[in-house]
Amino acid sequence: GDLVQPGGSLRLSCAASGFPFSLYDLR
């Protein structure tokens, strides 16, 4: 997360652990 100007782009990341990641839907 960050401050970005209108019209700009940003990429968010989410690191997961503690469950069989590849078998689950994420949102």
mmCIF file of all heavy atoms, coordinates in Angstrom:
data_MODEL
# 
_entry.id   MODEL 
# 
loop_
_atom_site.group_PDB 
_atom_site.id 
_atom_site.type_symbol 
_atom_site.label_atom_id 
_atom_site.label_alt_id 
_atom_site.label_comp_id 
_atom_site.label_asym_id 
_atom_site.label_entity_id 
_atom_site.label_seq_id 
_atom_site.pdbx_PDB_ins_code 
_atom_site.Cartn_x 
_atom_site.Cartn_y 
_atom_site.Cartn_z 
_atom_site.occupancy 
_atom_site.B_iso_or_equiv 
_atom_site.pdbx_formal_charge 
_atom_site.auth_seq_id 
_atom_site.auth_comp_id 
_atom_site.auth_asym_id 
_atom_site.auth_atom_id 
_atom_site.pdbx_PDB_model_num 
ATOM 1   N N   . GLY A 1 1  ? 0.819   -1.201  0.000   1.00 0.00 ? 1  GLY A N   1 
ATOM 2   C CA  . GLY A 1 1  ? 0.000   0.000   0.000   1.00 0.00 ? 1  GLY A CA  1 
ATOM 3   C C   . GLY A 1 1  ? 0.855   1.254   0.000   1.00 0.00 ? 1  GLY A C   1 
ATOM 4   O O   . GLY A 1 1  ? 1.960   1.281   0.537   1.00 0.00 ? 1  GLY A O   1 
ATOM 5   N N   . ASP A 1 2  ? 0.310   2.311   -0.601  1.00 0.00 ? 2  ASP A N   1 
ATOM 6   C CA  . ASP A 1 2  ? 1.093   3.552   -0.734  1.00 0.00 ? 2  ASP A CA  1 
ATOM 7   C C   . ASP A 1 2  ? 0.173   4.692   -1.120  1.00 0.00 ? 2  ASP A C   1 
ATOM 8   O O   . ASP A 1 2  ? -1.035  4.493   -1.366  1.00 0.00 ? 2  ASP A O   1 
ATOM 9   C CB  . ASP A 1 2  ? 2.174   3.353   -1.791  1.00 0.00 ? 2  ASP A CB  1 
ATOM 10  C CG  . ASP A 1 2  ? 3.367   4.264   -1.605  1.00 0.00 ? 2  ASP A CG  1 
ATOM 11  O OD1 . ASP A 1 2  ? 3.281   5.225   -0.807  1.00 0.00 ? 2  ASP A OD1 1 
ATOM 12  O OD2 . ASP A 1 2  ? 4.401   4.020   -2.261  1.00 0.00 ? 2  ASP A OD2 1 
ATOM 13  N N   . LEU A 1 3  ? 0.737   5.870   -1.205  1.00 0.00 ? 3  LEU A N   1 
ATOM 14  C CA  . LEU A 1 3  ? 0.077   7.045   -1.756  1.00 0.00 ? 3  LEU A CA  1 
ATOM 15  C C   . LEU A 1 3  ? 0.396   7.087   -3.252  1.00 0.00 ? 3  LEU A C   1 
ATOM 16  O O   . LEU A 1 3  ? 1.570   7.052   -3.637  1.00 0.00 ? 3  LEU A O   1 
ATOM 17  C CB  . LEU A 1 3  ? 0.558   8.315   -1.069  1.00 0.00 ? 3  LEU A CB  1 
ATOM 18  C CG  . LEU A 1 3  ? 0.129   9.649   -1.672  1.00 0.00 ? 3  LEU A CG  1 
ATOM 19  C CD1 . LEU A 1 3  ? -1.393  9.808   -1.583  1.00 0.00 ? 3  LEU A CD1 1 
ATOM 20  C CD2 . LEU A 1 3  ? 0.832   10.799  -0.978  1.00 0.00 ? 3  LEU A CD2 1 
ATOM 21  N N   . VAL A 1 4  ? -0.642  7.181   -4.074  1.00 0.00 ? 4  VAL A N   1 
ATOM 22  C CA  . VAL A 1 4  ? -0.447  7.200   -5.519  1.00 0.00 ? 4  VAL A CA  1 
ATOM 23  C C   . VAL A 1 4  ? -1.362  8.258   -6.130  1.00 0.00 ? 4  VAL A C   1 
ATOM 24  O O   . VAL A 1 4  ? -2.454  8.534   -5.600  1.00 0.00 ? 4  VAL A O   1 
ATOM 25  C CB  . VAL A 1 4  ? -0.711  5.800   -6.115  1.00 0.00 ? 4  VAL A CB  1 
ATOM 26  C CG1 . VAL A 1 4  ? -2.142  5.354   -5.863  1.00 0.00 ? 4  VAL A CG1 1 
ATOM 27  C CG2 . VAL A 1 4  ? -0.369  5.739   -7.586  1.00 0.00 ? 4  VAL A CG2 1 
ATOM 28  N N   . GLN A 1 5  ? -0.920  8.840   -7.226  1.00 0.00 ? 5  GLN A N   1 
ATOM 29  C CA  . GLN A 1 5  ? -1.719  9.869   -7.881  1.00 0.00 ? 5  GLN A CA  1 
ATOM 30  C C   . GLN A 1 5  ? -2.845  9.252   -8.701  1.00 0.00 ? 5  GLN A C   1 
ATOM 31  O O   . GLN A 1 5  ? -2.718  8.104   -9.174  1.00 0.00 ? 5  GLN A O   1 
ATOM 32  C CB  . GLN A 1 5  ? -0.827  10.707  -8.785  1.00 0.00 ? 5  GLN A CB  1 
ATOM 33  C CG  . GLN A 1 5  ? 0.164   11.572  -8.024  1.00 0.00 ? 5  GLN A CG  1 
ATOM 34  C CD  . GLN A 1 5  ? 0.833   12.601  -8.926  1.00 0.00 ? 5  GLN A CD  1 
ATOM 35  O OE1 . GLN A 1 5  ? 0.815   12.472  -10.142 1.00 0.00 ? 5  GLN A OE1 1 
ATOM 36  N NE2 . GLN A 1 5  ? 1.410   13.621  -8.317  1.00 0.00 ? 5  GLN A NE2 1 
ATOM 37  N N   . PRO A 1 6  ? -3.924  9.971   -8.893  1.00 0.00 ? 6  PRO A N   1 
ATOM 38  C CA  . PRO A 1 6  ? -4.996  9.473   -9.759  1.00 0.00 ? 6  PRO A CA  1 
ATOM 39  C C   . PRO A 1 6  ? -4.465  9.098   -11.136 1.00 0.00 ? 6  PRO A C   1 
ATOM 40  O O   . PRO A 1 6  ? -3.627  9.796   -11.706 1.00 0.00 ? 6  PRO A O   1 
ATOM 41  C CB  . PRO A 1 6  ? -5.961  10.664  -9.841  1.00 0.00 ? 6  PRO A CB  1 
ATOM 42  C CG  . PRO A 1 6  ? -5.735  11.403  -8.573  1.00 0.00 ? 6  PRO A CG  1 
ATOM 43  C CD  . PRO A 1 6  ? -4.264  11.280  -8.283  1.00 0.00 ? 6  PRO A CD  1 
ATOM 44  N N   . GLY A 1 7  ? -4.943  7.964   -11.647 1.00 0.00 ? 7  GLY A N   1 
ATOM 45  C CA  . GLY A 1 7  ? -4.468  7.446   -12.918 1.00 0.00 ? 7  GLY A CA  1 
ATOM 46  C C   . GLY A 1 7  ? -3.283  6.519   -12.795 1.00 0.00 ? 7  GLY A C   1 
ATOM 47  O O   . GLY A 1 7  ? -2.896  5.853   -13.773 1.00 0.00 ? 7  GLY A O   1 
ATOM 48  N N   . GLY A 1 8  ? -2.702  6.449   -11.614 1.00 0.00 ? 8  GLY A N   1 
ATOM 49  C CA  . GLY A 1 8  ? -1.524  5.614   -11.402 1.00 0.00 ? 8  GLY A CA  1 
ATOM 50  C C   . GLY A 1 8  ? -1.858  4.165   -11.147 1.00 0.00 ? 8  GLY A C   1 
ATOM 51  O O   . GLY A 1 8  ? -3.022  3.748   -11.171 1.00 0.00 ? 8  GLY A O   1 
ATOM 52  N N   . SER A 1 9  ? -0.797  3.399   -10.892 1.00 0.00 ? 9  SER A N   1 
ATOM 53  C CA  . SER A 1 9  ? -0.919  1.962   -10.652 1.00 0.00 ? 9  SER A CA  1 
ATOM 54  C C   . SER A 1 9  ? -0.211  1.583   -9.362  1.00 0.00 ? 9  SER A C   1 
ATOM 55  O O   . SER A 1 9  ? 0.688   2.290   -8.892  1.00 0.00 ? 9  SER A O   1 
ATOM 56  C CB  . SER A 1 9  ? -0.299  1.174   -11.811 1.00 0.00 ? 9  SER A CB  1 
ATOM 57  O OG  . SER A 1 9  ? -0.986  1.402   -13.022 1.00 0.00 ? 9  SER A OG  1 
ATOM 58  N N   . LEU A 1 10 ? -0.626  0.440   -8.821  1.00 0.00 ? 10 LEU A N   1 
ATOM 59  C CA  . LEU A 1 10 ? -0.029  -0.077  -7.597  1.00 0.00 ? 10 LEU A CA  1 
ATOM 60  C C   . LEU A 1 10 ? -0.230  -1.574  -7.579  1.00 0.00 ? 10 LEU A C   1 
ATOM 61  O O   . LEU A 1 10 ? -1.251  -2.074  -8.097  1.00 0.00 ? 10 LEU A O   1 
ATOM 62  C CB  . LEU A 1 10 ? -0.712  0.554   -6.393  1.00 0.00 ? 10 LEU A CB  1 
ATOM 63  C CG  . LEU A 1 10 ? 0.021   0.636   -5.060  1.00 0.00 ? 10 LEU A CG  1 
ATOM 64  C CD1 . LEU A 1 10 ? 1.325   1.417   -5.186  1.00 0.00 ? 10 LEU A CD1 1 
ATOM 65  C CD2 . LEU A 1 10 ? -0.877  1.293   -4.017  1.00 0.00 ? 10 LEU A CD2 1 
ATOM 66  N N   . ARG A 1 11 ? 0.743   -2.299  -7.017  1.00 0.00 ? 11 ARG A N   1 
ATOM 67  C CA  . ARG A 1 11 ? 0.576   -3.739  -6.855  1.00 0.00 ? 11 ARG A CA  1 
ATOM 68  C C   . ARG A 1 11 ? 0.668   -4.100  -5.379  1.00 0.00 ? 11 ARG A C   1 
ATOM 69  O O   . ARG A 1 11 ? 1.666   -3.805  -4.728  1.00 0.00 ? 11 ARG A O   1 
ATOM 70  C CB  . ARG A 1 11 ? 1.614   -4.527  -7.654  1.00 0.00 ? 11 ARG A CB  1 
ATOM 71  C CG  . ARG A 1 11 ? 1.304   -6.027  -7.662  1.00 0.00 ? 11 ARG A CG  1 
ATOM 72  C CD  . ARG A 1 11 ? 2.237   -6.832  -8.540  1.00 0.00 ? 11 ARG A CD  1 
ATOM 73  N NE  . ARG A 1 11 ? 3.431   -7.250  -7.820  1.00 0.00 ? 11 ARG A NE  1 
ATOM 74  C CZ  . ARG A 1 11 ? 4.089   -8.391  -8.065  1.00 0.00 ? 11 ARG A CZ  1 
ATOM 75  N NH1 . ARG A 1 11 ? 3.640   -9.219  -8.991  1.00 0.00 ? 11 ARG A NH1 1 
ATOM 76  N NH2 . ARG A 1 11 ? 5.186   -8.690  -7.390  1.00 0.00 ? 11 ARG A NH2 1 
ATOM 77  N N   . LEU A 1 12 ? -0.370  -4.748  -4.895  1.00 0.00 ? 12 LEU A N   1 
ATOM 78  C CA  . LEU A 1 12 ? -0.401  -5.230  -3.519  1.00 0.00 ? 12 LEU A CA  1 
ATOM 79  C C   . LEU A 1 12 ? 0.008   -6.702  -3.486  1.00 0.00 ? 12 LEU A C   1 
ATOM 80  O O   . LEU A 1 12 ? -0.231  -7.437  -4.446  1.00 0.00 ? 12 LEU A O   1 
ATOM 81  C CB  . LEU A 1 12 ? -1.797  -5.086  -2.920  1.00 0.00 ? 12 LEU A CB  1 
ATOM 82  C CG  . LEU A 1 12 ? -2.418  -3.693  -2.979  1.00 0.00 ? 12 LEU A CG  1 
ATOM 83  C CD1 . LEU A 1 12 ? -3.791  -3.715  -2.299  1.00 0.00 ? 12 LEU A CD1 1 
ATOM 84  C CD2 . LEU A 1 12 ? -1.520  -2.671  -2.349  1.00 0.00 ? 12 LEU A CD2 1 
ATOM 85  N N   . SER A 1 13 ? 0.583   -7.091  -2.359  1.00 0.00 ? 13 SER A N   1 
ATOM 86  C CA  . SER A 1 13 ? 0.987   -8.485  -2.157  1.00 0.00 ? 13 SER A CA  1 
ATOM 87  C C   . SER A 1 13 ? 0.388   -9.003  -0.870  1.00 0.00 ? 13 SER A C   1 
ATOM 88  O O   . SER A 1 13 ? 0.137   -8.235  0.068   1.00 0.00 ? 13 SER A O   1 
ATOM 89  C CB  . SER A 1 13 ? 2.516   -8.595  -2.073  1.00 0.00 ? 13 SER A CB  1 
ATOM 90  O OG  . SER A 1 13 ? 3.137   -8.120  -3.242  1.00 0.00 ? 13 SER A OG  1 
ATOM 91  N N   . CYS A 1 14 ? 0.178   -10.311 -0.824  1.00 0.00 ? 14 CYS A N   1 
ATOM 92  C CA  . CYS A 1 14 ? -0.300  -10.959 0.395   1.00 0.00 ? 14 CYS A CA  1 
ATOM 93  C C   . CYS A 1 14 ? 0.450   -12.268 0.563   1.00 0.00 ? 14 CYS A C   1 
ATOM 94  O O   . CYS A 1 14 ? 0.374   -13.149 -0.306  1.00 0.00 ? 14 CYS A O   1 
ATOM 95  C CB  . CYS A 1 14 ? -1.803  -11.210 0.319   1.00 0.00 ? 14 CYS A CB  1 
ATOM 96  S SG  . CYS A 1 14 ? -2.461  -12.188 1.692   1.00 0.00 ? 14 CYS A SG  1 
ATOM 97  N N   . ALA A 1 15 ? 1.177   -12.374 1.663   1.00 0.00 ? 15 ALA A N   1 
ATOM 98  C CA  . ALA A 1 15 ? 1.918   -13.599 1.985   1.00 0.00 ? 15 ALA A CA  1 
ATOM 99  C C   . ALA A 1 15 ? 1.071   -14.463 2.902   1.00 0.00 ? 15 ALA A C   1 
ATOM 100 O O   . ALA A 1 15 ? 0.594   -13.978 3.935   1.00 0.00 ? 15 ALA A O   1 
ATOM 101 C CB  . ALA A 1 15 ? 3.238   -13.249 2.651   1.00 0.00 ? 15 ALA A CB  1 
ATOM 102 N N   . ALA A 1 16 ? 0.888   -15.725 2.528   1.00 0.00 ? 16 ALA A N   1 
ATOM 103 C CA  . ALA A 1 16 ? 0.012   -16.621 3.276   1.00 0.00 ? 16 ALA A CA  1 
ATOM 104 C C   . ALA A 1 16 ? 0.802   -17.774 3.876   1.00 0.00 ? 16 ALA A C   1 
ATOM 105 O O   . ALA A 1 16 ? 1.802   -18.227 3.299   1.00 0.00 ? 16 ALA A O   1 
ATOM 106 C CB  . ALA A 1 16 ? -1.081  -17.160 2.355   1.00 0.00 ? 16 ALA A CB  1 
ATOM 107 N N   . SER A 1 17 ? 0.325   -18.263 5.015   1.00 0.00 ? 17 SER A N   1 
ATOM 108 C CA  . SER A 1 17 ? 0.953   -19.419 5.648   1.00 0.00 ? 17 SER A CA  1 
ATOM 109 C C   . SER A 1 17 ? -0.047  -20.118 6.549   1.00 0.00 ? 17 SER A C   1 
ATOM 110 O O   . SER A 1 17 ? -1.079  -19.547 6.912   1.00 0.00 ? 17 SER A O   1 
ATOM 111 C CB  . SER A 1 17 ? 2.183   -18.992 6.455   1.00 0.00 ? 17 SER A CB  1 
ATOM 112 O OG  . SER A 1 17 ? 1.831   -18.078 7.464   1.00 0.00 ? 17 SER A OG  1 
ATOM 113 N N   . GLY A 1 18 ? 0.245   -21.384 6.884   1.00 0.00 ? 18 GLY A N   1 
ATOM 114 C CA  . GLY A 1 18 ? -0.570  -22.102 7.852   1.00 0.00 ? 18 GLY A CA  1 
ATOM 115 C C   . GLY A 1 18 ? -1.705  -22.925 7.285   1.00 0.00 ? 18 GLY A C   1 
ATOM 116 O O   . GLY A 1 18 ? -2.521  -23.466 8.048   1.00 0.00 ? 18 GLY A O   1 
ATOM 117 N N   . PHE A 1 19 ? -1.799  -23.017 5.961   1.00 0.00 ? 19 PHE A N   1 
ATOM 118 C CA  . PHE A 1 19 ? -2.839  -23.835 5.335   1.00 0.00 ? 19 PHE A CA  1 
ATOM 119 C C   . PHE A 1 19 ? -2.327  -24.265 3.955   1.00 0.00 ? 19 PHE A C   1 
ATOM 120 O O   . PHE A 1 19 ? -1.368  -23.692 3.438   1.00 0.00 ? 19 PHE A O   1 
ATOM 121 C CB  . PHE A 1 19 ? -4.159  -23.055 5.222   1.00 0.00 ? 19 PHE A CB  1 
ATOM 122 C CG  . PHE A 1 19 ? -4.108  -21.846 4.330   1.00 0.00 ? 19 PHE A CG  1 
ATOM 123 C CD1 . PHE A 1 19 ? -4.581  -21.893 3.032   1.00 0.00 ? 19 PHE A CD1 1 
ATOM 124 C CD2 . PHE A 1 19 ? -3.602  -20.641 4.803   1.00 0.00 ? 19 PHE A CD2 1 
ATOM 125 C CE1 . PHE A 1 19 ? -4.536  -20.777 2.204   1.00 0.00 ? 19 PHE A CE1 1 
ATOM 126 C CE2 . PHE A 1 19 ? -3.534  -19.525 3.996   1.00 0.00 ? 19 PHE A CE2 1 
ATOM 127 C CZ  . PHE A 1 19 ? -4.001  -19.585 2.688   1.00 0.00 ? 19 PHE A CZ  1 
ATOM 128 N N   . PRO A 1 20 ? -2.965  -25.283 3.359   1.00 0.00 ? 20 PRO A N   1 
ATOM 129 C CA  . PRO A 1 20 ? -2.507  -25.764 2.044   1.00 0.00 ? 20 PRO A CA  1 
ATOM 130 C C   . PRO A 1 20 ? -2.888  -24.786 0.941   1.00 0.00 ? 20 PRO A C   1 
ATOM 131 O O   . PRO A 1 20 ? -3.927  -24.924 0.271   1.00 0.00 ? 20 PRO A O   1 
ATOM 132 C CB  . PRO A 1 20 ? -3.228  -27.107 1.903   1.00 0.00 ? 20 PRO A CB  1 
ATOM 133 C CG  . PRO A 1 20 ? -4.389  -27.028 2.810   1.00 0.00 ? 20 PRO A CG  1 
ATOM 134 C CD  . PRO A 1 20 ? -3.999  -26.138 3.947   1.00 0.00 ? 20 PRO A CD  1 
ATOM 135 N N   . PHE A 1 21 ? -2.046  -23.834 0.748   1.00 0.00 ? 21 PHE A N   1 
ATOM 136 C CA  . PHE A 1 21 ? -2.318  -22.643 -0.061  1.00 0.00 ? 21 PHE A CA  1 
ATOM 137 C C   . PHE A 1 21 ? -2.884  -22.967 -1.437  1.00 0.00 ? 21 PHE A C   1 
ATOM 138 O O   . PHE A 1 21 ? -3.865  -22.366 -1.866  1.00 0.00 ? 21 PHE A O   1 
ATOM 139 C CB  . PHE A 1 21 ? -1.020  -21.851 -0.200  1.00 0.00 ? 21 PHE A CB  1 
ATOM 140 C CG  . PHE A 1 21 ? -1.145  -20.603 -1.010  1.00 0.00 ? 21 PHE A CG  1 
ATOM 141 C CD1 . PHE A 1 21 ? -1.564  -19.420 -0.421  1.00 0.00 ? 21 PHE A CD1 1 
ATOM 142 C CD2 . PHE A 1 21 ? -0.811  -20.591 -2.353  1.00 0.00 ? 21 PHE A CD2 1 
ATOM 143 C CE1 . PHE A 1 21 ? -1.675  -18.257 -1.160  1.00 0.00 ? 21 PHE A CE1 1 
ATOM 144 C CE2 . PHE A 1 21 ? -0.907  -19.444 -3.106  1.00 0.00 ? 21 PHE A CE2 1 
ATOM 145 C CZ  . PHE A 1 21 ? -1.347  -18.256 -2.512  1.00 0.00 ? 21 PHE A CZ  1 
ATOM 146 N N   . SER A 1 22 ? -2.270  -23.887 -2.144  1.00 0.00 ? 22 SER A N   1 
ATOM 147 C CA  . SER A 1 22 ? -2.646  -24.143 -3.538  1.00 0.00 ? 22 SER A CA  1 
ATOM 148 C C   . SER A 1 22 ? -4.049  -24.718 -3.679  1.00 0.00 ? 22 SER A C   1 
ATOM 149 O O   . SER A 1 22 ? -4.601  -24.741 -4.786  1.00 0.00 ? 22 SER A O   1 
ATOM 150 C CB  . SER A 1 22 ? -1.634  -25.084 -4.193  1.00 0.00 ? 22 SER A CB  1 
ATOM 151 O OG  . SER A 1 22 ? -1.660  -26.350 -3.563  1.00 0.00 ? 22 SER A OG  1 
ATOM 152 N N   . LEU A 1 23 ? -4.647  -25.173 -2.596  1.00 0.00 ? 23 LEU A N   1 
ATOM 153 C CA  . LEU A 1 23 ? -5.963  -25.811 -2.653  1.00 0.00 ? 23 LEU A CA  1 
ATOM 154 C C   . LEU A 1 23 ? -7.111  -24.860 -2.339  1.00 0.00 ? 23 LEU A C   1 
ATOM 155 O O   . LEU A 1 23 ? -8.272  -25.268 -2.404  1.00 0.00 ? 23 LEU A O   1 
ATOM 156 C CB  . LEU A 1 23 ? -6.017  -26.983 -1.663  1.00 0.00 ? 23 LEU A CB  1 
ATOM 157 C CG  . LEU A 1 23 ? -4.979  -28.088 -1.853  1.00 0.00 ? 23 LEU A CG  1 
ATOM 158 C CD1 . LEU A 1 23 ? -5.179  -29.177 -0.806  1.00 0.00 ? 23 LEU A CD1 1 
ATOM 159 C CD2 . LEU A 1 23 ? -5.049  -28.672 -3.258  1.00 0.00 ? 23 LEU A CD2 1 
ATOM 160 N N   . TYR A 1 24 ? -6.783  -23.627 -2.025  1.00 0.00 ? 24 TYR A N   1 
ATOM 161 C CA  . TYR A 1 24 ? -7.804  -22.705 -1.522  1.00 0.00 ? 24 TYR A CA  1 
ATOM 162 C C   . TYR A 1 24 ? -7.971  -21.469 -2.384  1.00 0.00 ? 24 TYR A C   1 
ATOM 163 O O   . TYR A 1 24 ? -7.007  -20.963 -2.971  1.00 0.00 ? 24 TYR A O   1 
ATOM 164 C CB  . TYR A 1 24 ? -7.482  -22.306 -0.079  1.00 0.00 ? 24 TYR A CB  1 
ATOM 165 C CG  . TYR A 1 24 ? -7.902  -23.377 0.877   1.00 0.00 ? 24 TYR A CG  1 
ATOM 166 C CD1 . TYR A 1 24 ? -7.127  -24.514 1.063   1.00 0.00 ? 24 TYR A CD1 1 
ATOM 167 C CD2 . TYR A 1 24 ? -9.119  -23.281 1.561   1.00 0.00 ? 24 TYR A CD2 1 
ATOM 168 C CE1 . TYR A 1 24 ? -7.543  -25.525 1.893   1.00 0.00 ? 24 TYR A CE1 1 
ATOM 169 C CE2 . TYR A 1 24 ? -9.540  -24.295 2.403   1.00 0.00 ? 24 TYR A CE2 1 
ATOM 170 C CZ  . TYR A 1 24 ? -8.751  -25.415 2.563   1.00 0.00 ? 24 TYR A CZ  1 
ATOM 171 O OH  . TYR A 1 24 ? -9.165  -26.419 3.386   1.00 0.00 ? 24 TYR A OH  1 
ATOM 172 N N   . ASP A 1 25 ? -9.230  -20.995 -2.403  1.00 0.00 ? 25 ASP A N   1 
ATOM 173 C CA  . ASP A 1 25 ? -9.543  -19.709 -3.033  1.00 0.00 ? 25 ASP A CA  1 
ATOM 174 C C   . ASP A 1 25 ? -9.091  -18.593 -2.095  1.00 0.00 ? 25 ASP A C   1 
ATOM 175 O O   . ASP A 1 25 ? -9.235  -18.703 -0.862  1.00 0.00 ? 25 ASP A O   1 
ATOM 176 C CB  . ASP A 1 25 ? -11.054 -19.569 -3.247  1.00 0.00 ? 25 ASP A CB  1 
ATOM 177 C CG  . ASP A 1 25 ? -11.630 -20.662 -4.128  1.00 0.00 ? 25 ASP A CG  1 
ATOM 178 O OD1 . ASP A 1 25 ? -10.868 -21.436 -4.715  1.00 0.00 ? 25 ASP A OD1 1 
ATOM 179 O OD2 . ASP A 1 25 ? -12.878 -20.721 -4.219  1.00 0.00 ? 25 ASP A OD2 1 
ATOM 180 N N   . LEU A 1 26 ? -8.588  -17.526 -2.658  1.00 0.00 ? 26 LEU A N   1 
ATOM 181 C CA  . LEU A 1 26 ? -8.233  -16.348 -1.876  1.00 0.00 ? 26 LEU A CA  1 
ATOM 182 C C   . LEU A 1 26 ? -8.875  -15.112 -2.469  1.00 0.00 ? 26 LEU A C   1 
ATOM 183 O O   . LEU A 1 26 ? -9.209  -15.093 -3.668  1.00 0.00 ? 26 LEU A O   1 
ATOM 184 C CB  . LEU A 1 26 ? -6.714  -16.179 -1.789  1.00 0.00 ? 26 LEU A CB  1 
ATOM 185 C CG  . LEU A 1 26 ? -6.069  -17.180 -0.841  1.00 0.00 ? 26 LEU A CG  1 
ATOM 186 C CD1 . LEU A 1 26 ? -5.382  -18.288 -1.619  1.00 0.00 ? 26 LEU A CD1 1 
ATOM 187 C CD2 . LEU A 1 26 ? -5.098  -16.497 0.097   1.00 0.00 ? 26 LEU A CD2 1 
ATOM 188 N N   . ARG A 1 27 ? -9.042  -14.122 -1.658  1.00 0.00 ? 27 ARG A N   1 
ATOM 189 C CA  . ARG A 1 27 ? -9.779  -12.926 -2.058  1.00 0.00 ? 27 ARG A CA  1 
ATOM 190 C C   . ARG A 1 27 ? -9.092  -11.668 -1.562  1.00 0.00 ? 27 ARG A C   1 
ATOM 191 O O   . ARG A 1 27 ? -8.353  -11.688 -0.575  1.00 0.00 ? 27 ARG A O   1 
ATOM 192 C CB  . ARG A 1 27 ? -11.210 -12.969 -1.483  1.00 0.00 ? 27 ARG A CB  1 
ATOM 193 C CG  . ARG A 1 27 ? -12.000 -14.167 -1.947  1.00 0.00 ? 27 ARG A CG  1 
ATOM 194 C CD  . ARG A 1 27 ? -13.231 -14.391 -1.073  1.00 0.00 ? 27 ARG A CD  1 
ATOM 195 N NE  . ARG A 1 27 ? -13.854 -15.669 -1.398  1.00 0.00 ? 27 ARG A NE  1 
ATOM 196 C CZ  . ARG A 1 27 ? -13.468 -16.831 -0.897  1.00 0.00 ? 27 ARG A CZ  1 
ATOM 197 N NH1 . ARG A 1 27 ? -12.451 -16.890 -0.025  1.00 0.00 ? 27 ARG A NH1 1 
ATOM 198 N NH2 . ARG A 1 27 ? -14.073 -17.953 -1.261  1.00 0.00 ? 27 ARG A NH2 1 
# 
